[in-house]
Amino acid sequence: MAENLIIGNGSKAERYASLLPQIEALVAGEPNVTANQANVAAALKQTFNFFWVGFYTVEGNELVLAPFQGPIACTRIRYGRGVCGSAWKEGRTLIVPDVEQFPGHIACNSASRSEIVVPVYNRERQIVAVLDIDSDQPGAFDETDQLWLERIVAVF
């Protein structure tokens, strides 16, 4: 299945629309969260060639690095710190067009210029992880990304 991902050259929305059912098929029947996060990160990286894409899982009062694709990343992020910790604390997706303008941004890699972080909820509506995607281009993310990425994390 993974080698059959359709990348396509369509619009961003068309690529997400094509990717979503493929991700649903990848995670269907697989109860292991780590395996699912790994496949979703790889599918997003392969489809969009994002600079960095991955997950941080909630452990106590920190987010801990989970499956990702891209350069070495920060291992732990405290609740409310940086974009990831802020998205967790606020319980909402954060789009940051210029990470240098985000108060308290944690620079895990200096090449990161913009970022989107999407909370991942369990069935009890508790945040159990965040999906973090970085671009090496400013202003790379918008409401289209938010809409589709929120749909993707709802598959878990």
N, C-alpha and C. Protein backbone atom coordinates (compact mmCIF):
# COMPACT_ATOMS: atom_id res chain seq x y z
N MET A 1 0.82 -1.20 0.00
CA MET A 1 0.00 0.00 0.00
C MET A 1 0.86 1.26 0.00
N ALA A 2 1.85 1.33 0.90
CA ALA A 2 2.62 2.57 1.03
C ALA A 2 3.32 2.96 -0.26
N GLU A 3 3.82 1.98 -1.01
CA GLU A 3 4.50 2.33 -2.25
C GLU A 3 3.53 2.81 -3.33
N ASN A 4 2.24 2.68 -3.09
CA ASN A 4 1.23 3.09 -4.05
C ASN A 4 0.62 4.45 -3.75
N LEU A 5 1.21 5.20 -2.83
CA LEU A 5 0.66 6.52 -2.52
C LEU A 5 0.63 7.38 -3.77
N ILE A 6 -0.48 8.03 -3.97
CA ILE A 6 -0.63 8.94 -5.10
C ILE A 6 -0.18 10.32 -4.64
N ILE A 7 0.87 10.81 -5.25
CA ILE A 7 1.37 12.13 -4.87
C ILE A 7 0.66 13.19 -5.69
N GLY A 8 0.67 13.06 -6.97
CA GLY A 8 -0.06 13.98 -7.84
C GLY A 8 0.51 15.38 -7.89
N ASN A 9 0.08 16.10 -8.88
CA ASN A 9 0.52 17.47 -9.07
C ASN A 9 -0.63 18.45 -8.97
N GLY A 10 -1.76 18.04 -8.44
CA GLY A 10 -2.92 18.90 -8.34
C GLY A 10 -2.75 19.97 -7.29
N SER A 11 -3.82 20.69 -7.05
CA SER A 11 -3.81 21.71 -6.00
C SER A 11 -3.57 21.06 -4.65
N LYS A 12 -3.26 21.87 -3.69
CA LYS A 12 -3.05 21.38 -2.33
C LYS A 12 -4.28 20.62 -1.84
N ALA A 13 -5.47 21.19 -2.04
CA ALA A 13 -6.71 20.54 -1.60
C ALA A 13 -6.91 19.21 -2.32
N GLU A 14 -6.60 19.16 -3.61
CA GLU A 14 -6.75 17.91 -4.36
C GLU A 14 -5.79 16.84 -3.86
N ARG A 15 -4.58 17.23 -3.52
CA ARG A 15 -3.62 16.25 -2.99
C ARG A 15 -4.07 15.74 -1.63
N TYR A 16 -4.57 16.64 -0.77
CA TYR A 16 -5.11 16.18 0.52
C TYR A 16 -6.30 15.26 0.31
N ALA A 17 -7.19 15.63 -0.60
CA ALA A 17 -8.39 14.82 -0.86
C ALA A 17 -8.02 13.43 -1.36
N SER A 18 -6.96 13.33 -2.11
CA SER A 18 -6.48 12.05 -2.60
C SER A 18 -5.78 11.26 -1.48
N LEU A 19 -5.08 11.98 -0.62
CA LEU A 19 -4.30 11.34 0.44
C LEU A 19 -5.17 10.81 1.58
N LEU A 20 -6.23 11.51 1.92
CA LEU A 20 -7.04 11.12 3.09
C LEU A 20 -7.52 9.67 3.02
N PRO A 21 -8.15 9.21 1.92
CA PRO A 21 -8.59 7.81 1.90
C PRO A 21 -7.42 6.83 1.95
N GLN A 22 -6.28 7.24 1.45
CA GLN A 22 -5.11 6.37 1.53
C GLN A 22 -4.63 6.23 2.97
N ILE A 23 -4.67 7.34 3.71
CA ILE A 23 -4.30 7.27 5.12
C ILE A 23 -5.32 6.44 5.89
N GLU A 24 -6.59 6.62 5.59
CA GLU A 24 -7.62 5.80 6.24
C GLU A 24 -7.35 4.32 6.02
N ALA A 25 -6.95 3.94 4.80
CA ALA A 25 -6.65 2.54 4.50
C ALA A 25 -5.39 2.08 5.23
N LEU A 26 -4.39 2.97 5.35
CA LEU A 26 -3.15 2.61 6.05
C LEU A 26 -3.39 2.28 7.52
N VAL A 27 -4.26 3.04 8.18
CA VAL A 27 -4.45 2.87 9.62
C VAL A 27 -5.62 1.95 9.97
N ALA A 28 -6.43 1.61 8.99
CA ALA A 28 -7.61 0.76 9.25
C ALA A 28 -7.18 -0.58 9.85
N GLY A 29 -7.75 -0.88 10.98
CA GLY A 29 -7.49 -2.16 11.61
C GLY A 29 -6.15 -2.26 12.34
N GLU A 30 -5.34 -1.21 12.30
CA GLU A 30 -4.05 -1.23 13.01
C GLU A 30 -4.19 -0.51 14.33
N PRO A 31 -4.15 -1.24 15.44
CA PRO A 31 -4.34 -0.60 16.75
C PRO A 31 -3.10 0.10 17.30
N ASN A 32 -1.92 -0.14 16.71
CA ASN A 32 -0.69 0.43 17.26
C ASN A 32 -0.55 1.88 16.83
N VAL A 33 -0.59 2.78 17.81
CA VAL A 33 -0.54 4.22 17.54
C VAL A 33 0.79 4.61 16.91
N THR A 34 1.89 4.06 17.40
CA THR A 34 3.20 4.40 16.87
C THR A 34 3.30 4.04 15.39
N ALA A 35 2.84 2.87 15.02
CA ALA A 35 2.86 2.45 13.62
C ALA A 35 2.02 3.39 12.77
N ASN A 36 0.86 3.75 13.26
CA ASN A 36 -0.01 4.66 12.51
C ASN A 36 0.61 6.05 12.37
N GLN A 37 1.19 6.56 13.45
CA GLN A 37 1.85 7.87 13.37
C GLN A 37 3.00 7.83 12.38
N ALA A 38 3.75 6.75 12.37
CA ALA A 38 4.89 6.62 11.45
C ALA A 38 4.40 6.65 10.00
N ASN A 39 3.36 5.91 9.70
CA ASN A 39 2.85 5.88 8.33
C ASN A 39 2.24 7.21 7.92
N VAL A 40 1.54 7.87 8.82
CA VAL A 40 0.94 9.17 8.49
C VAL A 40 2.04 10.20 8.24
N ALA A 41 3.05 10.23 9.09
CA ALA A 41 4.17 11.16 8.89
C ALA A 41 4.84 10.92 7.55
N ALA A 42 5.08 9.66 7.22
CA ALA A 42 5.72 9.33 5.95
C ALA A 42 4.84 9.70 4.77
N ALA A 43 3.55 9.46 4.86
CA ALA A 43 2.63 9.78 3.77
C ALA A 43 2.58 11.29 3.53
N LEU A 44 2.53 12.07 4.61
CA LEU A 44 2.50 13.53 4.46
C LEU A 44 3.82 14.05 3.88
N LYS A 45 4.92 13.52 4.37
CA LYS A 45 6.23 13.94 3.87
C LYS A 45 6.36 13.60 2.38
N GLN A 46 5.96 12.39 2.01
CA GLN A 46 6.08 11.94 0.62
C GLN A 46 5.17 12.76 -0.30
N THR A 47 3.98 13.07 0.15
CA THR A 47 3.01 13.78 -0.69
C THR A 47 3.36 15.25 -0.85
N PHE A 48 3.78 15.90 0.22
CA PHE A 48 3.97 17.35 0.19
C PHE A 48 5.43 17.80 0.29
N ASN A 49 6.32 16.87 0.59
CA ASN A 49 7.73 17.20 0.75
C ASN A 49 7.95 18.31 1.78
N PHE A 50 7.20 18.24 2.88
CA PHE A 50 7.39 19.18 3.97
C PHE A 50 8.80 19.05 4.51
N PHE A 51 9.33 20.13 5.10
CA PHE A 51 10.66 20.12 5.70
C PHE A 51 10.72 19.12 6.86
N TRP A 52 9.71 19.15 7.71
CA TRP A 52 9.65 18.26 8.88
C TRP A 52 8.20 17.95 9.15
N VAL A 53 7.89 16.71 9.39
CA VAL A 53 6.53 16.32 9.76
C VAL A 53 6.61 15.19 10.77
N GLY A 54 5.87 15.34 11.87
CA GLY A 54 5.91 14.29 12.87
C GLY A 54 4.95 14.55 14.01
N PHE A 55 5.03 13.68 14.97
CA PHE A 55 4.14 13.71 16.12
C PHE A 55 4.94 13.88 17.40
N TYR A 56 4.29 14.51 18.36
CA TYR A 56 4.73 14.55 19.74
C TYR A 56 3.58 13.99 20.56
N THR A 57 3.86 13.04 21.45
CA THR A 57 2.82 12.46 22.29
C THR A 57 2.87 13.06 23.69
N VAL A 58 1.71 13.15 24.30
CA VAL A 58 1.58 13.69 25.64
C VAL A 58 2.05 12.65 26.66
N GLU A 59 3.01 13.05 27.48
CA GLU A 59 3.47 12.24 28.61
C GLU A 59 3.60 13.17 29.80
N GLY A 60 2.65 13.08 30.72
CA GLY A 60 2.64 13.97 31.87
C GLY A 60 2.46 15.41 31.44
N ASN A 61 3.41 16.28 31.83
CA ASN A 61 3.30 17.70 31.46
C ASN A 61 4.23 18.06 30.30
N GLU A 62 4.58 17.05 29.49
CA GLU A 62 5.45 17.28 28.35
C GLU A 62 4.92 16.59 27.10
N LEU A 63 5.35 17.11 25.96
CA LEU A 63 5.19 16.42 24.70
C LEU A 63 6.52 15.73 24.41
N VAL A 64 6.46 14.46 24.04
CA VAL A 64 7.67 13.69 23.79
C VAL A 64 7.70 13.29 22.32
N LEU A 65 8.85 13.46 21.71
CA LEU A 65 9.03 13.15 20.30
C LEU A 65 8.56 11.73 19.98
N ALA A 66 7.80 11.62 18.91
CA ALA A 66 7.27 10.34 18.43
C ALA A 66 7.67 10.21 16.96
N PRO A 67 7.08 9.31 16.19
CA PRO A 67 7.51 9.14 14.80
C PRO A 67 7.50 10.45 14.00
N PHE A 68 8.55 10.62 13.19
CA PHE A 68 8.67 11.83 12.38
C PHE A 68 9.50 11.54 11.14
N GLN A 69 9.45 12.47 10.20
CA GLN A 69 10.25 12.45 8.99
C GLN A 69 10.93 13.81 8.89
N GLY A 70 12.24 13.83 8.76
CA GLY A 70 12.97 15.09 8.64
C GLY A 70 14.19 15.09 9.52
N PRO A 71 14.80 16.29 9.66
CA PRO A 71 16.02 16.41 10.47
C PRO A 71 15.75 16.13 11.96
N ILE A 72 16.82 15.95 12.69
CA ILE A 72 16.75 15.74 14.13
C ILE A 72 15.88 16.82 14.77
N ALA A 73 15.11 16.41 15.79
CA ALA A 73 14.13 17.32 16.39
C ALA A 73 14.32 17.42 17.90
N CYS A 74 13.64 18.38 18.49
CA CYS A 74 13.60 18.49 19.94
C CYS A 74 12.93 17.24 20.50
N THR A 75 13.44 16.75 21.61
CA THR A 75 12.92 15.51 22.19
C THR A 75 11.74 15.75 23.10
N ARG A 76 11.78 16.81 23.90
CA ARG A 76 10.71 17.10 24.86
C ARG A 76 10.33 18.57 24.80
N ILE A 77 9.04 18.81 24.88
CA ILE A 77 8.51 20.18 24.87
C ILE A 77 7.51 20.29 26.02
N ARG A 78 7.69 21.28 26.85
CA ARG A 78 6.80 21.47 28.00
C ARG A 78 5.44 22.02 27.58
N TYR A 79 4.47 21.72 28.40
CA TYR A 79 3.10 22.22 28.23
C TYR A 79 3.14 23.75 28.13
N GLY A 80 2.53 24.29 27.08
CA GLY A 80 2.45 25.73 26.90
C GLY A 80 3.67 26.38 26.28
N ARG A 81 4.73 25.60 25.99
CA ARG A 81 5.96 26.16 25.42
C ARG A 81 5.99 25.98 23.92
N GLY A 82 6.50 26.97 23.21
CA GLY A 82 6.64 26.88 21.77
C GLY A 82 5.29 26.72 21.08
N VAL A 83 5.34 26.46 19.80
CA VAL A 83 4.10 26.30 19.03
C VAL A 83 3.39 25.01 19.42
N CYS A 84 4.14 23.92 19.56
CA CYS A 84 3.53 22.63 19.91
C CYS A 84 2.87 22.67 21.29
N GLY A 85 3.62 23.15 22.27
CA GLY A 85 3.06 23.23 23.63
C GLY A 85 1.91 24.20 23.73
N SER A 86 1.93 25.26 22.94
CA SER A 86 0.83 26.23 22.92
C SER A 86 -0.43 25.64 22.29
N ALA A 87 -0.27 24.89 21.19
CA ALA A 87 -1.42 24.24 20.56
C ALA A 87 -2.05 23.24 21.52
N TRP A 88 -1.22 22.53 22.26
CA TRP A 88 -1.72 21.58 23.27
C TRP A 88 -2.48 22.34 24.35
N LYS A 89 -1.88 23.39 24.89
CA LYS A 89 -2.51 24.16 25.96
C LYS A 89 -3.82 24.80 25.50
N GLU A 90 -3.83 25.38 24.30
CA GLU A 90 -5.01 26.08 23.80
C GLU A 90 -6.04 25.13 23.20
N GLY A 91 -5.64 23.90 22.93
CA GLY A 91 -6.58 22.92 22.39
C GLY A 91 -7.08 23.26 21.00
N ARG A 92 -6.19 23.85 20.20
CA ARG A 92 -6.60 24.22 18.84
C ARG A 92 -5.40 24.22 17.92
N THR A 93 -5.69 24.13 16.63
CA THR A 93 -4.65 24.18 15.62
C THR A 93 -4.04 25.57 15.58
N LEU A 94 -2.72 25.62 15.50
CA LEU A 94 -2.02 26.90 15.37
C LEU A 94 -1.27 26.92 14.04
N ILE A 95 -1.48 28.00 13.30
CA ILE A 95 -0.75 28.24 12.06
C ILE A 95 0.17 29.43 12.32
N VAL A 96 1.46 29.23 12.10
CA VAL A 96 2.44 30.28 12.34
C VAL A 96 3.16 30.58 11.02
N PRO A 97 2.82 31.71 10.38
CA PRO A 97 3.43 32.05 9.09
C PRO A 97 4.93 32.35 9.18
N ASP A 98 5.37 32.87 10.33
CA ASP A 98 6.79 33.20 10.52
C ASP A 98 7.15 32.82 11.96
N VAL A 99 7.87 31.72 12.11
CA VAL A 99 8.18 31.23 13.45
C VAL A 99 9.00 32.21 14.27
N GLU A 100 9.76 33.07 13.60
CA GLU A 100 10.56 34.06 14.33
C GLU A 100 9.69 35.11 15.01
N GLN A 101 8.45 35.23 14.58
CA GLN A 101 7.52 36.19 15.18
C GLN A 101 6.65 35.57 16.27
N PHE A 102 6.81 34.25 16.51
CA PHE A 102 6.00 33.58 17.52
C PHE A 102 6.72 33.66 18.86
N PRO A 103 6.09 34.32 19.86
CA PRO A 103 6.74 34.44 21.17
C PRO A 103 7.04 33.07 21.79
N GLY A 104 8.29 32.86 22.15
CA GLY A 104 8.68 31.60 22.79
C GLY A 104 8.89 30.46 21.83
N HIS A 105 8.99 30.73 20.53
CA HIS A 105 9.23 29.67 19.57
C HIS A 105 10.48 28.89 19.95
N ILE A 106 10.40 27.57 19.85
CA ILE A 106 11.53 26.70 20.14
C ILE A 106 12.16 26.34 18.80
N ALA A 107 13.37 26.78 18.58
CA ALA A 107 14.05 26.54 17.31
C ALA A 107 14.77 25.20 17.33
N CYS A 108 14.06 24.14 17.00
CA CYS A 108 14.70 22.83 16.93
C CYS A 108 15.62 22.77 15.73
N ASN A 109 15.29 23.51 14.67
CA ASN A 109 16.12 23.58 13.47
C ASN A 109 15.99 24.98 12.90
N SER A 110 17.10 25.63 12.68
CA SER A 110 17.08 27.02 12.23
C SER A 110 16.52 27.19 10.82
N ALA A 111 16.42 26.12 10.05
CA ALA A 111 15.87 26.21 8.70
C ALA A 111 14.35 26.31 8.69
N SER A 112 13.71 26.01 9.81
CA SER A 112 12.25 26.09 9.88
C SER A 112 11.81 27.54 9.83
N ARG A 113 10.85 27.85 8.93
CA ARG A 113 10.39 29.22 8.77
C ARG A 113 8.91 29.40 9.11
N SER A 114 8.09 28.37 8.85
CA SER A 114 6.67 28.44 9.21
C SER A 114 6.25 27.07 9.72
N GLU A 115 5.08 27.04 10.39
CA GLU A 115 4.71 25.83 11.11
C GLU A 115 3.20 25.75 11.28
N ILE A 116 2.70 24.52 11.31
CA ILE A 116 1.31 24.25 11.69
C ILE A 116 1.34 23.11 12.69
N VAL A 117 0.57 23.25 13.76
CA VAL A 117 0.48 22.21 14.78
C VAL A 117 -0.99 21.90 15.03
N VAL A 118 -1.33 20.61 14.93
CA VAL A 118 -2.72 20.15 15.03
C VAL A 118 -2.85 19.19 16.22
N PRO A 119 -3.70 19.51 17.20
CA PRO A 119 -3.91 18.59 18.31
C PRO A 119 -4.56 17.28 17.84
N VAL A 120 -4.17 16.18 18.47
CA VAL A 120 -4.74 14.87 18.20
C VAL A 120 -5.52 14.46 19.45
N TYR A 121 -6.79 14.17 19.27
CA TYR A 121 -7.68 13.82 20.39
C TYR A 121 -7.96 12.33 20.42
N ASN A 122 -8.18 11.81 21.64
CA ASN A 122 -8.67 10.44 21.77
C ASN A 122 -10.20 10.45 21.80
N ARG A 123 -10.79 9.30 22.00
CA ARG A 123 -12.27 9.20 21.99
C ARG A 123 -12.91 10.00 23.12
N GLU A 124 -12.17 10.24 24.20
CA GLU A 124 -12.69 11.01 25.33
C GLU A 124 -12.46 12.51 25.15
N ARG A 125 -12.02 12.91 23.98
CA ARG A 125 -11.75 14.32 23.63
C ARG A 125 -10.63 14.92 24.47
N GLN A 126 -9.65 14.09 24.83
CA GLN A 126 -8.44 14.56 25.49
C GLN A 126 -7.32 14.62 24.44
N ILE A 127 -6.48 15.61 24.53
CA ILE A 127 -5.36 15.69 23.61
C ILE A 127 -4.31 14.67 24.04
N VAL A 128 -3.96 13.78 23.11
CA VAL A 128 -3.00 12.73 23.39
C VAL A 128 -1.70 12.91 22.61
N ALA A 129 -1.73 13.83 21.62
CA ALA A 129 -0.55 14.08 20.79
C ALA A 129 -0.79 15.36 20.01
N VAL A 130 0.24 15.80 19.32
CA VAL A 130 0.09 16.87 18.33
C VAL A 130 0.81 16.43 17.07
N LEU A 131 0.26 16.83 15.93
CA LEU A 131 0.92 16.68 14.65
C LEU A 131 1.60 18.01 14.36
N ASP A 132 2.89 17.97 14.15
CA ASP A 132 3.70 19.18 13.94
C ASP A 132 4.28 19.11 12.53
N ILE A 133 4.06 20.16 11.74
CA ILE A 133 4.64 20.21 10.40
C ILE A 133 5.34 21.56 10.24
N ASP A 134 6.58 21.49 9.79
CA ASP A 134 7.39 22.68 9.56
C ASP A 134 7.70 22.80 8.08
N SER A 135 7.83 24.04 7.63
CA SER A 135 8.27 24.32 6.27
C SER A 135 9.51 25.20 6.34
N ASP A 136 10.36 25.07 5.33
CA ASP A 136 11.52 25.95 5.24
C ASP A 136 11.17 27.22 4.46
N GLN A 137 9.88 27.40 4.17
CA GLN A 137 9.39 28.59 3.49
C GLN A 137 8.44 29.34 4.43
N PRO A 138 8.51 30.66 4.47
CA PRO A 138 7.55 31.41 5.29
C PRO A 138 6.15 31.33 4.68
N GLY A 139 5.14 31.38 5.54
CA GLY A 139 3.75 31.42 5.09
C GLY A 139 3.30 30.20 4.32
N ALA A 140 3.84 29.04 4.63
CA ALA A 140 3.54 27.84 3.85
C ALA A 140 2.19 27.21 4.16
N PHE A 141 1.59 27.55 5.30
CA PHE A 141 0.37 26.87 5.74
C PHE A 141 -0.81 27.82 5.81
N ASP A 142 -1.99 27.28 5.54
CA ASP A 142 -3.20 28.10 5.56
C ASP A 142 -4.39 27.26 6.03
N GLU A 143 -5.58 27.81 5.84
CA GLU A 143 -6.80 27.15 6.30
C GLU A 143 -7.04 25.83 5.57
N THR A 144 -6.56 25.70 4.34
CA THR A 144 -6.70 24.43 3.61
C THR A 144 -5.93 23.34 4.34
N ASP A 145 -4.69 23.65 4.73
CA ASP A 145 -3.90 22.68 5.51
C ASP A 145 -4.62 22.34 6.81
N GLN A 146 -5.10 23.34 7.50
CA GLN A 146 -5.78 23.11 8.78
C GLN A 146 -6.97 22.18 8.60
N LEU A 147 -7.82 22.46 7.63
CA LEU A 147 -9.01 21.65 7.39
C LEU A 147 -8.64 20.19 7.15
N TRP A 148 -7.71 19.94 6.24
CA TRP A 148 -7.37 18.57 5.87
C TRP A 148 -6.55 17.86 6.94
N LEU A 149 -5.63 18.57 7.58
CA LEU A 149 -4.84 17.93 8.64
C LEU A 149 -5.71 17.57 9.84
N GLU A 150 -6.69 18.40 10.16
CA GLU A 150 -7.62 18.05 11.23
C GLU A 150 -8.43 16.81 10.87
N ARG A 151 -8.78 16.67 9.61
CA ARG A 151 -9.47 15.45 9.15
C ARG A 151 -8.55 14.22 9.25
N ILE A 152 -7.29 14.42 8.89
CA ILE A 152 -6.34 13.31 8.93
C ILE A 152 -6.13 12.82 10.35
N VAL A 153 -5.92 13.74 11.32
CA VAL A 153 -5.67 13.27 12.69
C VAL A 153 -6.93 12.68 13.32
N ALA A 154 -8.11 13.02 12.79
CA ALA A 154 -9.36 12.44 13.30
C ALA A 154 -9.49 10.98 12.93
N VAL A 155 -8.68 10.49 12.00
CA VAL A 155 -8.71 9.10 11.57
C VAL A 155 -8.22 8.16 12.68
N PHE A 156 -7.35 8.68 13.56
CA PHE A 156 -6.77 7.82 14.62
C PHE A 156 -7.82 7.34 15.60
